[in-house]
Amino acid sequence: MGLLDFIFGTKKRQVEEFLEKDAVILDVRTQREWDNGHIENSKHIPLDDLKNHVDELKQMNKPFVVCCASGVRSAKAAKFLNLNNIEATNGGGWLSLQKKV
């Protein structure tokens, strides 16, 4: 097993564990991107607005699997949520994540 297999295998297992814990899928793409397609029943909050929704997300009392187009914005969002005591993991791109749910 190579280093990348280890890293991405671990990430895949972490996403699966979050989904087993009834995590909410949080899409942080722009409104235009969301309108062009998204995972059914996911929650949409653009990354630029995320700071305004911290209390709302905390009140949901659930973990979050965060997605975007490629995984860059969702990584930033997951880190931000974790720093605000919200359990979150980066789910990567929404199209890839959609295949797992």
PDB file of N, CA and C in Angstrom:
ATOM      1  N   MET A   1       0.849  -1.183   0.000  1.00  0.00           N
ATOM      2  CA  MET A   1       0.000   0.000   0.000  1.00  0.00           C
ATOM      3  C   MET A   1       0.884   1.232   0.000  1.00  0.00           C
ATOM      4  N   GLY A   2       0.678   2.121  -0.954  1.00  0.00           N
ATOM      5  CA  GLY A   2       1.438   3.344  -1.041  1.00  0.00           C
ATOM      6  C   GLY A   2       0.900   4.412  -0.110  1.00  0.00           C
ATOM      7  N   LEU A   3       1.673   5.466   0.024  1.00  0.00           N
ATOM      8  CA  LEU A   3       1.283   6.567   0.901  1.00  0.00           C
ATOM      9  C   LEU A   3      -0.052   7.174   0.486  1.00  0.00           C
ATOM     10  N   LEU A   4      -0.251   7.387  -0.815  1.00  0.00           N
ATOM     11  CA  LEU A   4      -1.517   7.974  -1.270  1.00  0.00           C
ATOM     12  C   LEU A   4      -2.691   7.045  -1.003  1.00  0.00           C
ATOM     13  N   ASP A   5      -2.490   5.746  -1.188  1.00  0.00           N
ATOM     14  CA  ASP A   5      -3.554   4.787  -0.877  1.00  0.00           C
ATOM     15  C   ASP A   5      -3.903   4.860   0.599  1.00  0.00           C
ATOM     16  N   PHE A   6      -2.875   4.972   1.433  1.00  0.00           N
ATOM     17  CA  PHE A   6      -3.107   5.061   2.871  1.00  0.00           C
ATOM     18  C   PHE A   6      -3.894   6.318   3.213  1.00  0.00           C
ATOM     19  N   ILE A   7      -3.453   7.453   2.666  1.00  0.00           N
ATOM     20  CA  ILE A   7      -4.114   8.728   2.962  1.00  0.00           C
ATOM     21  C   ILE A   7      -5.556   8.719   2.468  1.00  0.00           C
ATOM     22  N   PHE A   8      -5.758   8.354   1.200  1.00  0.00           N
ATOM     23  CA  PHE A   8      -7.104   8.405   0.641  1.00  0.00           C
ATOM     24  C   PHE A   8      -7.977   7.285   1.165  1.00  0.00           C
ATOM     25  N   GLY A   9      -7.389   6.138   1.499  1.00  0.00           N
ATOM     26  CA  GLY A   9      -8.154   5.055   2.111  1.00  0.00           C
ATOM     27  C   GLY A   9      -8.655   5.463   3.480  1.00  0.00           C
ATOM     28  N   THR A  10      -7.800   6.148   4.233  1.00  0.00           N
ATOM     29  CA  THR A  10      -8.190   6.644   5.553  1.00  0.00           C
ATOM     30  C   THR A  10      -9.303   7.670   5.420  1.00  0.00           C
ATOM     31  N   LYS A  11      -9.188   8.571   4.457  1.00  0.00           N
ATOM     32  CA  LYS A  11     -10.210   9.598   4.247  1.00  0.00           C
ATOM     33  C   LYS A  11     -11.535   8.945   3.859  1.00  0.00           C
ATOM     34  N   LYS A  12     -11.477   7.952   2.981  1.00  0.00           N
ATOM     35  CA  LYS A  12     -12.694   7.259   2.557  1.00  0.00           C
ATOM     36  C   LYS A  12     -13.368   6.602   3.750  1.00  0.00           C
ATOM     37  N   ARG A  13     -12.583   5.939   4.605  1.00  0.00           N
ATOM     38  CA  ARG A  13     -13.160   5.301   5.798  1.00  0.00           C
ATOM     39  C   ARG A  13     -13.757   6.341   6.738  1.00  0.00           C
ATOM     40  N   GLN A  14     -13.096   7.481   6.858  1.00  0.00           N
ATOM     41  CA  GLN A  14     -13.605   8.522   7.745  1.00  0.00           C
ATOM     42  C   GLN A  14     -14.949   9.043   7.236  1.00  0.00           C
ATOM     43  N   VAL A  15     -15.067   9.268   5.937  1.00  0.00           N
ATOM     44  CA  VAL A  15     -16.338   9.720   5.362  1.00  0.00           C
ATOM     45  C   VAL A  15     -17.406   8.669   5.606  1.00  0.00           C
ATOM     46  N   GLU A  16     -17.089   7.404   5.384  1.00  0.00           N
ATOM     47  CA  GLU A  16     -18.051   6.330   5.612  1.00  0.00           C
ATOM     48  C   GLU A  16     -18.495   6.291   7.067  1.00  0.00           C
ATOM     49  N   GLU A  17     -17.555   6.476   8.007  1.00  0.00           N
ATOM     50  CA  GLU A  17     -17.894   6.490   9.432  1.00  0.00           C
ATOM     51  C   GLU A  17     -18.833   7.652   9.761  1.00  0.00           C
ATOM     52  N   PHE A  18     -18.567   8.806   9.197  1.00  0.00           N
ATOM     53  CA  PHE A  18     -19.438   9.954   9.426  1.00  0.00           C
ATOM     54  C   PHE A  18     -20.835   9.677   8.882  1.00  0.00           C
ATOM     55  N   LEU A  19     -20.918   9.120   7.694  1.00  0.00           N
ATOM     56  CA  LEU A  19     -22.224   8.821   7.102  1.00  0.00           C
ATOM     57  C   LEU A  19     -22.980   7.792   7.932  1.00  0.00           C
ATOM     58  N   GLU A  20     -22.265   6.835   8.517  1.00  0.00           N
ATOM     59  CA  GLU A  20     -22.904   5.850   9.398  1.00  0.00           C
ATOM     60  C   GLU A  20     -23.445   6.508  10.662  1.00  0.00           C
ATOM     61  N   LYS A  21     -22.855   7.635  11.061  1.00  0.00           N
ATOM     62  CA  LYS A  21     -23.314   8.381  12.242  1.00  0.00           C
ATOM     63  C   LYS A  21     -24.409   9.386  11.882  1.00  0.00           C
ATOM     64  N   ASP A  22     -25.016   9.196  10.711  1.00  0.00           N
ATOM     65  CA  ASP A  22     -26.112  10.053  10.257  1.00  0.00           C
ATOM     66  C   ASP A  22     -25.664  11.502  10.057  1.00  0.00           C
ATOM     67  N   ALA A  23     -24.479  11.658   9.484  1.00  0.00           N
ATOM     68  CA  ALA A  23     -23.941  12.993   9.222  1.00  0.00           C
ATOM     69  C   ALA A  23     -24.780  13.710   8.166  1.00  0.00           C
ATOM     70  N   VAL A  24     -24.785  15.012   8.274  1.00  0.00           N
ATOM     71  CA  VAL A  24     -25.426  15.866   7.286  1.00  0.00           C
ATOM     72  C   VAL A  24     -24.394  16.201   6.220  1.00  0.00           C
ATOM     73  N   ILE A  25     -24.784  16.096   4.965  1.00  0.00           N
ATOM     74  CA  ILE A  25     -23.887  16.501   3.888  1.00  0.00           C
ATOM     75  C   ILE A  25     -24.060  18.004   3.689  1.00  0.00           C
ATOM     76  N   LEU A  26     -22.974  18.726   3.804  1.00  0.00           N
ATOM     77  CA  LEU A  26     -22.970  20.180   3.692  1.00  0.00           C
ATOM     78  C   LEU A  26     -22.210  20.574   2.436  1.00  0.00           C
ATOM     79  N   ASP A  27     -22.889  21.202   1.517  1.00  0.00           N
ATOM     80  CA  ASP A  27     -22.310  21.631   0.242  1.00  0.00           C
ATOM     81  C   ASP A  27     -21.951  23.117   0.368  1.00  0.00           C
ATOM     82  N   VAL A  28     -20.683  23.452   0.143  1.00  0.00           N
ATOM     83  CA  VAL A  28     -20.226  24.836   0.333  1.00  0.00           C
ATOM     84  C   VAL A  28     -19.924  25.542  -0.986  1.00  0.00           C
ATOM     85  N   ARG A  29     -20.464  25.017  -2.078  1.00  0.00           N
ATOM     86  CA  ARG A  29     -20.265  25.658  -3.386  1.00  0.00           C
ATOM     87  C   ARG A  29     -21.148  26.905  -3.510  1.00  0.00           C
ATOM     88  N   THR A  30     -20.934  27.649  -4.565  1.00  0.00           N
ATOM     89  CA  THR A  30     -21.734  28.849  -4.811  1.00  0.00           C
ATOM     90  C   THR A  30     -23.167  28.476  -5.173  1.00  0.00           C
ATOM     91  N   GLN A  31     -24.048  29.458  -5.138  1.00  0.00           N
ATOM     92  CA  GLN A  31     -25.449  29.220  -5.506  1.00  0.00           C
ATOM     93  C   GLN A  31     -25.567  28.713  -6.940  1.00  0.00           C
ATOM     94  N   ARG A  32     -24.802  29.299  -7.836  1.00  0.00           N
ATOM     95  CA  ARG A  32     -24.852  28.876  -9.246  1.00  0.00           C
ATOM     96  C   ARG A  32     -24.432  27.408  -9.392  1.00  0.00           C
ATOM     97  N   GLU A  33     -23.367  27.027  -8.700  1.00  0.00           N
ATOM     98  CA  GLU A  33     -22.924  25.630  -8.757  1.00  0.00           C
ATOM     99  C   GLU A  33     -23.993  24.698  -8.194  1.00  0.00           C
ATOM    100  N   TRP A  34     -24.567  25.080  -7.075  1.00  0.00           N
ATOM    101  CA  TRP A  34     -25.626  24.299  -6.422  1.00  0.00           C
ATOM    102  C   TRP A  34     -26.824  24.127  -7.354  1.00  0.00           C
ATOM    103  N   ASP A  35     -27.221  25.215  -7.999  1.00  0.00           N
ATOM    104  CA  ASP A  35     -28.367  25.181  -8.907  1.00  0.00           C
ATOM    105  C   ASP A  35     -28.146  24.239 -10.088  1.00  0.00           C
ATOM    106  N   ASN A  36     -26.886  24.028 -10.455  1.00  0.00           N
ATOM    107  CA  ASN A  36     -26.564  23.144 -11.576  1.00  0.00           C
ATOM    108  C   ASN A  36     -26.517  21.671 -11.180  1.00  0.00           C
ATOM    109  N   GLY A  37     -26.709  21.377  -9.909  1.00  0.00           N
ATOM    110  CA  GLY A  37     -26.739  19.996  -9.435  1.00  0.00           C
ATOM    111  C   GLY A  37     -26.171  19.871  -8.042  1.00  0.00           C
ATOM    112  N   HIS A  38     -26.760  18.977  -7.260  1.00  0.00           N
ATOM    113  CA  HIS A  38     -26.301  18.756  -5.888  1.00  0.00           C
ATOM    114  C   HIS A  38     -26.817  17.411  -5.381  1.00  0.00           C
ATOM    115  N   ILE A  39     -26.300  16.989  -4.248  1.00  0.00           N
ATOM    116  CA  ILE A  39     -26.729  15.743  -3.616  1.00  0.00           C
ATOM    117  C   ILE A  39     -28.075  15.975  -2.949  1.00  0.00           C
ATOM    118  N   GLU A  40     -29.009  15.098  -3.254  1.00  0.00           N
ATOM    119  CA  GLU A  40     -30.353  15.202  -2.678  1.00  0.00           C
ATOM    120  C   GLU A  40     -30.268  15.194  -1.150  1.00  0.00           C
ATOM    121  N   ASN A  41     -31.047  16.043  -0.532  1.00  0.00           N
ATOM    122  CA  ASN A  41     -31.140  16.196   0.928  1.00  0.00           C
ATOM    123  C   ASN A  41     -29.889  16.781   1.578  1.00  0.00           C
ATOM    124  N   SER A  42     -28.968  17.297   0.777  1.00  0.00           N
ATOM    125  CA  SER A  42     -27.806  17.958   1.373  1.00  0.00           C
ATOM    126  C   SER A  42     -28.190  19.387   1.758  1.00  0.00           C
ATOM    127  N   LYS A  43     -27.393  19.950   2.660  1.00  0.00           N
ATOM    128  CA  LYS A  43     -27.611  21.328   3.106  1.00  0.00           C
ATOM    129  C   LYS A  43     -26.640  22.220   2.332  1.00  0.00           C
ATOM    130  N   HIS A  44     -27.129  23.365   1.901  1.00  0.00           N
ATOM    131  CA  HIS A  44     -26.296  24.270   1.118  1.00  0.00           C
ATOM    132  C   HIS A  44     -26.013  25.554   1.886  1.00  0.00           C
ATOM    133  N   ILE A  45     -24.734  25.799   2.131  1.00  0.00           N
ATOM    134  CA  ILE A  45     -24.272  27.067   2.683  1.00  0.00           C
ATOM    135  C   ILE A  45     -22.971  27.388   1.967  1.00  0.00           C
ATOM    136  N   PRO A  46     -22.958  28.407   1.110  1.00  0.00           N
ATOM    137  CA  PRO A  46     -21.711  28.768   0.423  1.00  0.00           C
ATOM    138  C   PRO A  46     -20.596  29.063   1.423  1.00  0.00           C
ATOM    139  N   LEU A  47     -19.385  28.698   1.068  1.00  0.00           N
ATOM    140  CA  LEU A  47     -18.241  28.878   1.958  1.00  0.00           C
ATOM    141  C   LEU A  47     -18.160  30.297   2.496  1.00  0.00           C
ATOM    142  N   ASP A  48     -18.394  31.287   1.658  1.00  0.00           N
ATOM    143  CA  ASP A  48     -18.299  32.683   2.090  1.00  0.00           C
ATOM    144  C   ASP A  48     -19.328  33.042   3.161  1.00  0.00           C
ATOM    145  N   ASP A  49     -20.399  32.279   3.279  1.00  0.00           N
ATOM    146  CA  ASP A  49     -21.448  32.548   4.270  1.00  0.00           C
ATOM    147  C   ASP A  49     -21.357  31.657   5.498  1.00  0.00           C
ATOM    148  N   LEU A  50     -20.442  30.725   5.500  1.00  0.00           N
ATOM    149  CA  LEU A  50     -20.398  29.712   6.545  1.00  0.00           C
ATOM    150  C   LEU A  50     -20.281  30.301   7.941  1.00  0.00           C
ATOM    151  N   LYS A  51     -19.473  31.348   8.077  1.00  0.00           N
ATOM    152  CA  LYS A  51     -19.273  31.944   9.414  1.00  0.00           C
ATOM    153  C   LYS A  51     -20.577  32.472  10.005  1.00  0.00           C
ATOM    154  N   ASN A  52     -21.541  32.806   9.152  1.00  0.00           N
ATOM    155  CA  ASN A  52     -22.821  33.322   9.632  1.00  0.00           C
ATOM    156  C   ASN A  52     -23.799  32.223  10.051  1.00  0.00           C
ATOM    157  N   HIS A  53     -23.396  30.964   9.893  1.00  0.00           N
ATOM    158  CA  HIS A  53     -24.296  29.849  10.173  1.00  0.00           C
ATOM    159  C   HIS A  53     -23.765  28.895  11.240  1.00  0.00           C
ATOM    160  N   VAL A  54     -22.732  29.293  11.952  1.00  0.00           N
ATOM    161  CA  VAL A  54     -22.123  28.419  12.956  1.00  0.00           C
ATOM    162  C   VAL A  54     -23.140  28.001  14.008  1.00  0.00           C
ATOM    163  N   ASP A  55     -23.875  28.938  14.560  1.00  0.00           N
ATOM    164  CA  ASP A  55     -24.851  28.596  15.604  1.00  0.00           C
ATOM    165  C   ASP A  55     -25.928  27.659  15.076  1.00  0.00           C
ATOM    166  N   GLU A  56     -26.402  27.914  13.863  1.00  0.00           N
ATOM    167  CA  GLU A  56     -27.407  27.057  13.229  1.00  0.00           C
ATOM    168  C   GLU A  56     -26.890  25.620  13.085  1.00  0.00           C
ATOM    169  N   LEU A  57     -25.651  25.475  12.649  1.00  0.00           N
ATOM    170  CA  LEU A  57     -25.072  24.146  12.465  1.00  0.00           C
ATOM    171  C   LEU A  57     -24.848  23.450  13.804  1.00  0.00           C
ATOM    172  N   LYS A  58     -24.417  24.201  14.805  1.00  0.00           N
ATOM    173  CA  LYS A  58     -24.247  23.614  16.141  1.00  0.00           C
ATOM    174  C   LYS A  58     -25.575  23.093  16.680  1.00  0.00           C
ATOM    175  N   GLN A  59     -26.646  23.826  16.448  1.00  0.00           N
ATOM    176  CA  GLN A  59     -27.963  23.429  16.931  1.00  0.00           C
ATOM    177  C   GLN A  59     -28.464  22.139  16.287  1.00  0.00           C
ATOM    178  N   MET A  60     -27.949  21.805  15.124  1.00  0.00           N
ATOM    179  CA  MET A  60     -28.354  20.565  14.460  1.00  0.00           C
ATOM    180  C   MET A  60     -27.825  19.347  15.210  1.00  0.00           C
ATOM    181  N   ASN A  61     -26.762  19.545  15.980  1.00  0.00           N
ATOM    182  CA  ASN A  61     -26.186  18.492  16.811  1.00  0.00           C
ATOM    183  C   ASN A  61     -25.883  17.216  16.015  1.00  0.00           C
ATOM    184  N   LYS A  62     -25.273  17.399  14.850  1.00  0.00           N
ATOM    185  CA  LYS A  62     -24.918  16.284  13.978  1.00  0.00           C
ATOM    186  C   LYS A  62     -23.523  16.534  13.417  1.00  0.00           C
ATOM    187  N   PRO A  63     -22.847  15.464  13.026  1.00  0.00           N
ATOM    188  CA  PRO A  63     -21.585  15.655  12.308  1.00  0.00           C
ATOM    189  C   PRO A  63     -21.875  16.042  10.861  1.00  0.00           C
ATOM    190  N   PHE A  64     -20.866  16.582  10.188  1.00  0.00           N
ATOM    191  CA  PHE A  64     -21.034  17.043   8.813  1.00  0.00           C
ATOM    192  C   PHE A  64     -19.955  16.452   7.907  1.00  0.00           C
ATOM    193  N   VAL A  65     -20.379  16.049   6.722  1.00  0.00           N
ATOM    194  CA  VAL A  65     -19.469  15.694   5.641  1.00  0.00           C
ATOM    195  C   VAL A  65     -19.590  16.840   4.656  1.00  0.00           C
ATOM    196  N   VAL A  66     -18.504  17.582   4.481  1.00  0.00           N
ATOM    197  CA  VAL A  66     -18.525  18.795   3.681  1.00  0.00           C
ATOM    198  C   VAL A  66     -18.026  18.493   2.268  1.00  0.00           C
ATOM    199  N   CYS A  67     -18.738  19.023   1.270  1.00  0.00           N
ATOM    200  CA  CYS A  67     -18.323  18.817  -0.119  1.00  0.00           C
ATOM    201  C   CYS A  67     -18.356  20.131  -0.881  1.00  0.00           C
ATOM    202  N   CYS A  68     -17.662  20.123  -2.007  1.00  0.00           N
ATOM    203  CA  CYS A  68     -17.646  21.265  -2.927  1.00  0.00           C
ATOM    204  C   CYS A  68     -17.466  20.700  -4.325  1.00  0.00           C
ATOM    205  N   ALA A  69     -16.768  21.387  -5.186  1.00  0.00           N
ATOM    206  CA  ALA A  69     -16.549  20.876  -6.538  1.00  0.00           C
ATOM    207  C   ALA A  69     -15.375  19.898  -6.586  1.00  0.00           C
ATOM    208  N   SER A  70     -14.293  20.241  -5.897  1.00  0.00           N
ATOM    209  CA  SER A  70     -13.090  19.407  -6.002  1.00  0.00           C
ATOM    210  C   SER A  70     -12.533  18.938  -4.665  1.00  0.00           C
ATOM    211  N   GLY A  71     -12.896  19.600  -3.586  1.00  0.00           N
ATOM    212  CA  GLY A  71     -12.389  19.239  -2.269  1.00  0.00           C
ATOM    213  C   GLY A  71     -11.571  20.320  -1.600  1.00  0.00           C
ATOM    214  N   VAL A  72     -11.241  21.386  -2.323  1.00  0.00           N
ATOM    215  CA  VAL A  72     -10.424  22.456  -1.744  1.00  0.00           C
ATOM    216  C   VAL A  72     -11.252  23.309  -0.780  1.00  0.00           C
ATOM    217  N   ARG A  73     -12.383  23.807  -1.243  1.00  0.00           N
ATOM    218  CA  ARG A  73     -13.239  24.632  -0.371  1.00  0.00           C
ATOM    219  C   ARG A  73     -13.796  23.813   0.782  1.00  0.00           C
ATOM    220  N   SER A  74     -14.127  22.556   0.510  1.00  0.00           N
ATOM    221  CA  SER A  74     -14.685  21.720   1.580  1.00  0.00           C
ATOM    222  C   SER A  74     -13.632  21.435   2.652  1.00  0.00           C
ATOM    223  N   ALA A  75     -12.360  21.351   2.268  1.00  0.00           N
ATOM    224  CA  ALA A  75     -11.291  21.178   3.256  1.00  0.00           C
ATOM    225  C   ALA A  75     -11.221  22.406   4.157  1.00  0.00           C
ATOM    226  N   LYS A  76     -11.288  23.589   3.562  1.00  0.00           N
ATOM    227  CA  LYS A  76     -11.284  24.829   4.345  1.00  0.00           C
ATOM    228  C   LYS A  76     -12.491  24.881   5.274  1.00  0.00           C
ATOM    229  N   ALA A  77     -13.652  24.513   4.738  1.00  0.00           N
ATOM    230  CA  ALA A  77     -14.887  24.559   5.530  1.00  0.00           C
ATOM    231  C   ALA A  77     -14.837  23.573   6.690  1.00  0.00           C
ATOM    232  N   ALA A  78     -14.374  22.355   6.437  1.00  0.00           N
ATOM    233  CA  ALA A  78     -14.295  21.348   7.501  1.00  0.00           C
ATOM    234  C   ALA A  78     -13.343  21.811   8.601  1.00  0.00           C
ATOM    235  N   LYS A  79     -12.216  22.382   8.207  1.00  0.00           N
ATOM    236  CA  LYS A  79     -11.271  22.893   9.205  1.00  0.00           C
ATOM    237  C   LYS A  79     -11.910  24.011  10.029  1.00  0.00           C
ATOM    238  N   PHE A  80     -12.595  24.930   9.354  1.00  0.00           N
ATOM    239  CA  PHE A  80     -13.281  26.022  10.052  1.00  0.00           C
ATOM    240  C   PHE A  80     -14.308  25.472  11.039  1.00  0.00           C
ATOM    241  N   LEU A  81     -15.112  24.500  10.603  1.00  0.00           N
ATOM    242  CA  LEU A  81     -16.125  23.928  11.479  1.00  0.00           C
ATOM    243  C   LEU A  81     -15.485  23.251  12.681  1.00  0.00           C
ATOM    244  N   ASN A  82     -14.431  22.484  12.454  1.00  0.00           N
ATOM    245  CA  ASN A  82     -13.741  21.824  13.570  1.00  0.00           C
ATOM    246  C   ASN A  82     -13.192  22.838  14.559  1.00  0.00           C
ATOM    247  N   LEU A  83     -12.661  23.949  14.054  1.00  0.00           N
ATOM    248  CA  LEU A  83     -12.151  24.998  14.947  1.00  0.00           C
ATOM    249  C   LEU A  83     -13.259  25.651  15.753  1.00  0.00           C
ATOM    250  N   ASN A  84     -14.503  25.508  15.288  1.00  0.00           N
ATOM    251  CA  ASN A  84     -15.663  26.044  16.001  1.00  0.00           C
ATOM    252  C   ASN A  84     -16.429  24.948  16.735  1.00  0.00           C
ATOM    253  N   ASN A  85     -15.726  23.867  17.042  1.00  0.00           N
ATOM    254  CA  ASN A  85     -16.281  22.748  17.821  1.00  0.00           C
ATOM    255  C   ASN A  85     -17.467  22.074  17.156  1.00  0.00           C
ATOM    256  N   ILE A  86     -17.414  21.961  15.840  1.00  0.00           N
ATOM    257  CA  ILE A  86     -18.424  21.234  15.074  1.00  0.00           C
ATOM    258  C   ILE A  86     -17.703  20.086  14.390  1.00  0.00           C
ATOM    259  N   GLU A  87     -18.183  18.879  14.621  1.00  0.00           N
ATOM    260  CA  GLU A  87     -17.552  17.693  14.036  1.00  0.00           C
ATOM    261  C   GLU A  87     -17.795  17.681  12.525  1.00  0.00           C
ATOM    262  N   ALA A  88     -16.721  17.707  11.758  1.00  0.00           N
ATOM    263  CA  ALA A  88     -16.838  17.759  10.299  1.00  0.00           C
ATOM    264  C   ALA A  88     -15.629  17.101   9.658  1.00  0.00           C
ATOM    265  N   THR A  89     -15.857  16.561   8.466  1.00  0.00           N
ATOM    266  CA  THR A  89     -14.775  16.001   7.670  1.00  0.00           C
ATOM    267  C   THR A  89     -14.949  16.424   6.225  1.00  0.00           C
ATOM    268  N   ASN A  90     -13.861  16.455   5.508  1.00  0.00           N
ATOM    269  CA  ASN A  90     -13.890  16.835   4.106  1.00  0.00           C
ATOM    270  C   ASN A  90     -14.332  15.641   3.269  1.00  0.00           C
ATOM    271  N   GLY A  91     -15.467  15.780   2.610  1.00  0.00           N
ATOM    272  CA  GLY A  91     -15.970  14.719   1.738  1.00  0.00           C
ATOM    273  C   GLY A  91     -15.479  14.852   0.316  1.00  0.00           C
ATOM    274  N   GLY A  92     -14.749  15.922  -0.010  1.00  0.00           N
ATOM    275  CA  GLY A  92     -14.214  16.118  -1.347  1.00  0.00           C
ATOM    276  C   GLY A  92     -15.248  16.659  -2.311  1.00  0.00           C
ATOM    277  N   GLY A  93     -15.105  16.283  -3.565  1.00  0.00           N
ATOM    278  CA  GLY A  93     -16.014  16.745  -4.606  1.00  0.00           C
ATOM    279  C   GLY A  93     -17.395  16.109  -4.477  1.00  0.00           C
ATOM    280  N   TRP A  94     -18.411  16.880  -4.779  1.00  0.00           N
ATOM    281  CA  TRP A  94     -19.781  16.397  -4.569  1.00  0.00           C
ATOM    282  C   TRP A  94     -20.133  15.246  -5.502  1.00  0.00           C
ATOM    283  N   LEU A  95     -19.616  15.224  -6.700  1.00  0.00           N
ATOM    284  CA  LEU A  95     -19.941  14.130  -7.624  1.00  0.00           C
ATOM    285  C   LEU A  95     -19.390  12.804  -7.118  1.00  0.00           C
ATOM    286  N   SER A  96     -18.175  12.817  -6.591  1.00  0.00           N
ATOM    287  CA  SER A  96     -17.598  11.594  -6.026  1.00  0.00           C
ATOM    288  C   SER A  96     -18.344  11.180  -4.760  1.00  0.00           C
ATOM    289  N   LEU A  97     -18.675  12.151  -3.927  1.00  0.00           N
ATOM    290  CA  LEU A  97     -19.405  11.864  -2.692  1.00  0.00           C
ATOM    291  C   LEU A  97     -20.789  11.303  -2.988  1.00  0.00           C
ATOM    292  N   GLN A  98     -21.415  11.801  -4.024  1.00  0.00           N
ATOM    293  CA  GLN A  98     -22.759  11.350  -4.382  1.00  0.00           C
ATOM    294  C   GLN A  98     -22.789   9.847  -4.628  1.00  0.00           C
ATOM    295  N   LYS A  99     -21.720   9.296  -5.153  1.00  0.00           N
ATOM    296  CA  LYS A  99     -21.642   7.861  -5.418  1.00  0.00           C
ATOM    297  C   LYS A  99     -21.595   7.032  -4.130  1.00  0.00           C
ATOM    298  N   LYS A 100     -21.206   7.679  -3.015  1.00  0.00           N
ATOM    299  CA  LYS A 100     -21.057   6.971  -1.739  1.00  0.00           C
ATOM    300  C   LYS A 100     -22.332   7.016  -0.898  1.00  0.00           C
ATOM    301  N   VAL A 101     -23.251   7.894  -1.264  1.00  0.00           N
ATOM    302  CA  VAL A 101     -24.477   8.030  -0.451  1.00  0.00           C
ATOM    303  C   VAL A 101     -25.688   7.430  -1.140  1.00  0.00           C
TER     304      VAL A 101
END
